[in-house]
Amino acid sequence: MYIKYLQYVILPTKAQLPDSAQFFFSPKTQNACIMKKLLLLAAGYAMLLSCNNKPADSTATDAKDTTVSAMAKDTKPPQSEFADPKYTEMGKKQMEALASGNIDGWLDAFADNAMYRWSSGDSLAGKAAIAAYWKDRRTKVIDSIQFSNDIWLSLKVNQPQKGPDIPGIWLLGWYQVDVKYKNGKKLNFWVHADAHYNSSDKIDLYIQYIDRAPINKALGK
């Protein structure tokens, strides 16, 4: 169909040519010429496409890689994150030791330079002072003590906010206390405690949030 169309458009008719030239415009000759023209057109089109197909510009890719690298470099760890669950188990064992009267086992969790603070502002400095206070209180003041409904949360603080939240591992605990004193008085109350662990997994700071008013009243103070 295309060959016949090109015969009418491109080539003169046989009647328009002299007899000496009609040989060159026989059907076979005409078809050969048309095919040659089509091949030339196809070759030209292929060359045009090859000129337009430029290599991919790597600038955009390089810029994207640079942006990703910069973002990864600027990424900071979260303010805090969950710590190893082993600290929860350590807190539970320490609480069980105090309840059973094993003060030495309870004290084993503290570093030699540990600080023990109450929410009221009172404090004990050093493991020796902590041991002296709690051994006296557990053997001479407290008859029995039990802990229940305990909730634990171990955290790793990367960036301190305000207050005593120094970087490192913290174990936060909430628990209910049932205590009976040597004078026969009984109390039931809730306590919140924060324990900070040093690089040796020893407590170097212990903060206990407790209302001491009912305790002092039960002890006649």
Protein backbone atom coordinates (compact mmCIF):
# COMPACT_ATOMS: atom_id res chain seq x y z
CA MET A 1 0.00 0.00 0.00
CA TYR A 2 2.80 2.43 0.97
CA ILE A 3 4.82 1.54 -2.10
CA LYS A 4 1.89 2.28 -4.41
CA TYR A 5 1.28 5.58 -2.61
CA LEU A 6 4.91 6.63 -3.03
CA GLN A 7 4.72 5.70 -6.71
CA TYR A 8 2.15 8.42 -7.27
CA VAL A 9 3.65 11.01 -4.94
CA ILE A 10 7.39 10.68 -5.48
CA LEU A 11 7.84 9.24 -8.98
CA PRO A 12 6.62 10.53 -12.32
CA THR A 13 4.18 8.44 -14.29
CA LYS A 14 5.28 6.30 -17.13
CA ALA A 15 3.37 8.43 -19.58
CA GLN A 16 5.34 11.52 -18.52
CA LEU A 17 8.70 9.99 -19.46
CA PRO A 18 10.34 9.55 -22.84
CA ASP A 19 10.63 6.04 -24.17
CA SER A 20 14.38 5.95 -23.46
CA ALA A 21 13.80 6.51 -19.73
CA GLN A 22 10.82 4.23 -19.28
CA PHE A 23 13.15 1.24 -18.72
CA PHE A 24 14.48 2.78 -15.56
CA PHE A 25 10.94 3.26 -14.27
CA SER A 26 9.71 -0.23 -14.72
CA PRO A 27 7.80 -1.67 -11.69
CA LYS A 28 10.88 -3.53 -10.40
CA THR A 29 13.10 -0.47 -10.71
CA GLN A 30 10.51 1.71 -9.05
CA ASN A 31 10.16 -0.68 -6.10
CA ALA A 32 13.93 -0.80 -5.61
CA CYS A 33 14.15 3.00 -5.53
CA ILE A 34 11.34 3.27 -3.06
CA MET A 35 12.92 0.71 -0.74
CA LYS A 36 16.21 2.60 -0.89
CA LYS A 37 14.46 5.83 0.08
CA LEU A 38 12.70 4.09 2.96
CA LEU A 39 15.99 2.68 4.20
CA LEU A 40 17.57 6.13 4.08
CA LEU A 41 14.65 7.60 6.02
CA ALA A 42 14.91 4.84 8.65
CA ALA A 43 18.66 5.37 9.00
CA GLY A 44 18.17 9.11 9.44
CA TYR A 45 15.52 8.59 12.10
CA ALA A 46 17.79 6.19 13.99
CA MET A 47 20.61 8.73 13.96
CA LEU A 48 18.23 11.39 15.29
CA LEU A 49 17.18 9.16 18.17
CA SER A 50 20.78 8.36 19.05
CA CYS A 51 21.57 12.07 19.30
CA ASN A 52 18.61 12.70 21.62
CA ASN A 53 19.45 9.77 23.94
CA LYS A 54 21.99 11.51 26.20
CA PRO A 55 23.60 9.65 29.09
CA ALA A 56 21.64 9.88 32.36
CA ASP A 57 22.52 12.92 34.38
CA SER A 58 24.21 11.70 37.58
CA THR A 59 23.90 15.08 39.27
CA ALA A 60 20.42 14.34 40.68
CA THR A 61 21.52 10.92 41.94
CA ASP A 62 24.64 12.34 43.57
CA ALA A 63 22.60 15.10 45.23
CA LYS A 64 20.14 12.53 46.60
CA ASP A 65 22.97 10.38 47.99
CA THR A 66 24.54 13.43 49.62
CA THR A 67 21.23 14.40 51.23
CA VAL A 68 20.70 10.89 52.61
CA SER A 69 24.24 10.82 54.00
CA ALA A 70 23.76 14.20 55.65
CA MET A 71 20.48 13.09 57.22
CA ALA A 72 22.07 9.91 58.57
CA LYS A 73 24.96 11.94 59.99
CA ASP A 74 22.64 14.42 61.69
CA THR A 75 20.38 11.74 63.18
CA LYS A 76 20.61 11.82 66.97
CA PRO A 77 19.57 9.06 69.37
CA PRO A 78 16.23 9.60 71.14
CA GLN A 79 16.13 11.44 74.45
CA SER A 80 15.50 8.09 76.15
CA GLU A 81 14.83 4.49 75.14
CA PHE A 82 14.04 1.16 76.74
CA ALA A 83 16.95 -0.50 78.53
CA ASP A 84 17.78 -4.16 79.01
CA PRO A 85 14.98 -6.00 80.87
CA LYS A 86 17.63 -7.51 83.15
CA TYR A 87 17.45 -4.37 85.29
CA THR A 88 13.83 -5.13 86.10
CA GLU A 89 14.84 -8.57 87.35
CA MET A 90 17.63 -6.99 89.41
CA GLY A 91 15.12 -4.62 91.01
CA LYS A 92 12.74 -7.44 91.85
CA LYS A 93 15.47 -9.52 93.47
CA GLN A 94 16.61 -6.56 95.56
CA MET A 95 13.05 -5.96 96.75
CA GLU A 96 12.66 -9.63 97.68
CA ALA A 97 15.90 -9.48 99.69
CA LEU A 98 14.64 -6.51 101.75
CA ALA A 99 11.31 -8.22 102.39
CA SER A 100 13.01 -11.40 103.61
CA GLY A 101 15.35 -9.49 105.93
CA ASN A 102 18.47 -10.21 103.83
CA ILE A 103 19.92 -6.71 104.19
CA ASP A 104 23.36 -7.73 102.91
CA GLY A 105 21.77 -9.12 99.76
CA TRP A 106 19.77 -5.91 99.34
CA LEU A 107 22.90 -3.77 99.88
CA ASP A 108 24.90 -5.75 97.33
CA ALA A 109 23.15 -3.82 94.55
CA PHE A 110 24.69 -0.48 95.67
CA ALA A 111 28.01 1.05 94.66
CA ASP A 112 30.41 2.13 97.40
CA ASN A 113 29.81 5.81 96.58
CA ALA A 114 26.02 5.49 96.28
CA MET A 115 23.66 8.28 97.29
CA TYR A 116 20.27 7.44 98.85
CA ARG A 117 17.77 10.30 98.72
CA TRP A 118 14.20 10.75 99.88
CA SER A 119 11.69 13.09 98.30
CA SER A 120 11.62 15.04 101.57
CA GLY A 121 15.21 16.14 101.00
CA ASP A 122 16.94 13.80 103.49
CA SER A 123 19.76 11.68 102.16
CA LEU A 124 22.44 9.11 102.96
CA ALA A 125 25.91 9.36 101.40
CA GLY A 126 27.90 6.19 100.76
CA LYS A 127 27.15 2.49 100.98
CA ALA A 128 28.29 2.32 104.61
CA ALA A 129 25.75 4.95 105.68
CA ILE A 130 22.99 3.22 103.72
CA ALA A 131 23.87 -0.10 105.38
CA ALA A 132 23.87 1.36 108.88
CA TYR A 133 20.45 3.01 108.45
CA TRP A 134 18.64 0.07 106.86
CA LYS A 135 20.12 -2.64 109.08
CA ASP A 136 18.97 -0.72 112.14
CA ARG A 137 15.54 0.02 110.67
CA ARG A 138 14.87 -3.48 109.35
CA THR A 139 15.90 -5.26 112.55
CA LYS A 140 14.76 -2.78 115.24
CA VAL A 141 11.88 -0.79 113.73
CA ILE A 142 10.23 -2.98 111.07
CA ASP A 143 8.74 -6.28 112.11
CA SER A 144 7.70 -7.36 108.59
CA ILE A 145 7.39 -5.77 105.19
CA GLN A 146 5.81 -6.99 101.98
CA PHE A 147 5.72 -5.53 98.46
CA SER A 148 2.98 -6.10 95.88
CA ASN A 149 1.45 -4.74 92.68
CA ASP A 150 4.92 -3.69 91.52
CA ILE A 151 5.41 -2.02 88.15
CA TRP A 152 8.86 -1.58 86.57
CA LEU A 153 10.30 0.43 83.71
CA SER A 154 13.97 0.28 82.71
CA LEU A 155 15.21 3.22 80.63
CA LYS A 156 18.41 4.41 79.03
CA VAL A 157 18.63 8.21 79.18
CA ASN A 158 20.69 9.62 76.31
CA GLN A 159 19.93 13.31 76.77
CA PRO A 160 19.01 14.55 80.26
CA GLN A 161 16.07 16.93 80.57
CA LYS A 162 15.82 18.62 83.97
CA GLY A 163 16.27 17.40 87.51
CA PRO A 164 18.17 14.28 88.52
CA ASP A 165 17.83 12.37 85.23
CA ILE A 166 21.55 12.01 84.53
CA PRO A 167 22.54 9.98 81.45
CA GLY A 168 22.70 6.22 81.72
CA ILE A 169 20.51 3.36 82.90
CA TRP A 170 17.55 4.04 85.17
CA LEU A 171 15.12 1.60 86.75
CA LEU A 172 11.80 3.14 87.74
CA GLY A 173 9.61 1.24 90.17
CA TRP A 174 6.12 1.69 91.62
CA TYR A 175 4.91 -0.72 94.31
CA GLN A 176 2.55 -1.11 97.21
CA VAL A 177 3.98 -1.57 100.70
CA ASP A 178 2.40 -3.42 103.62
CA VAL A 179 4.47 -2.92 106.73
CA LYS A 180 4.13 -3.89 110.38
CA TYR A 181 6.29 -2.12 112.92
CA LYS A 182 7.71 -3.47 116.15
CA ASN A 183 5.18 -1.38 118.12
CA GLY A 184 2.31 -3.25 116.43
CA LYS A 185 1.28 -0.43 114.08
CA LYS A 186 0.48 -1.35 110.49
CA LEU A 187 0.55 0.77 107.36
CA ASN A 188 -0.34 0.36 103.73
CA PHE A 189 0.99 2.86 101.18
CA TRP A 190 2.51 3.31 97.72
CA VAL A 191 6.15 4.10 96.94
CA HIS A 192 7.89 5.27 93.78
CA ALA A 193 11.64 4.74 93.48
CA ASP A 194 14.28 5.62 90.84
CA ALA A 195 17.58 3.75 90.71
CA HIS A 196 20.49 4.84 88.50
CA TYR A 197 23.09 2.24 87.56
CA ASN A 198 26.76 2.93 86.84
CA SER A 199 28.88 1.19 84.19
CA SER A 200 29.38 -1.76 86.59
CA ASP A 201 25.61 -2.23 86.98
CA LYS A 202 25.70 -0.97 90.57
CA ILE A 203 23.28 1.63 91.94
CA ASP A 204 25.06 4.94 92.45
CA LEU A 205 21.90 7.03 92.98
CA TYR A 206 18.64 5.91 94.59
CA ILE A 207 15.69 8.28 94.97
CA GLN A 208 12.62 7.23 96.95
CA TYR A 209 9.38 9.22 96.70
CA ILE A 210 7.35 8.55 99.82
CA ASP A 211 5.06 10.37 102.24
CA ARG A 212 6.81 9.99 105.57
CA ALA A 213 4.12 11.80 107.60
CA PRO A 214 1.96 8.69 108.26
CA ILE A 215 5.10 6.65 108.98
CA ASN A 216 6.32 9.13 111.58
CA LYS A 217 2.84 9.20 113.11
CA ALA A 218 2.73 5.41 113.36
CA LEU A 219 6.12 5.46 115.06
CA GLY A 220 5.06 8.17 117.51
CA LYS A 221 7.33 10.86 116.12
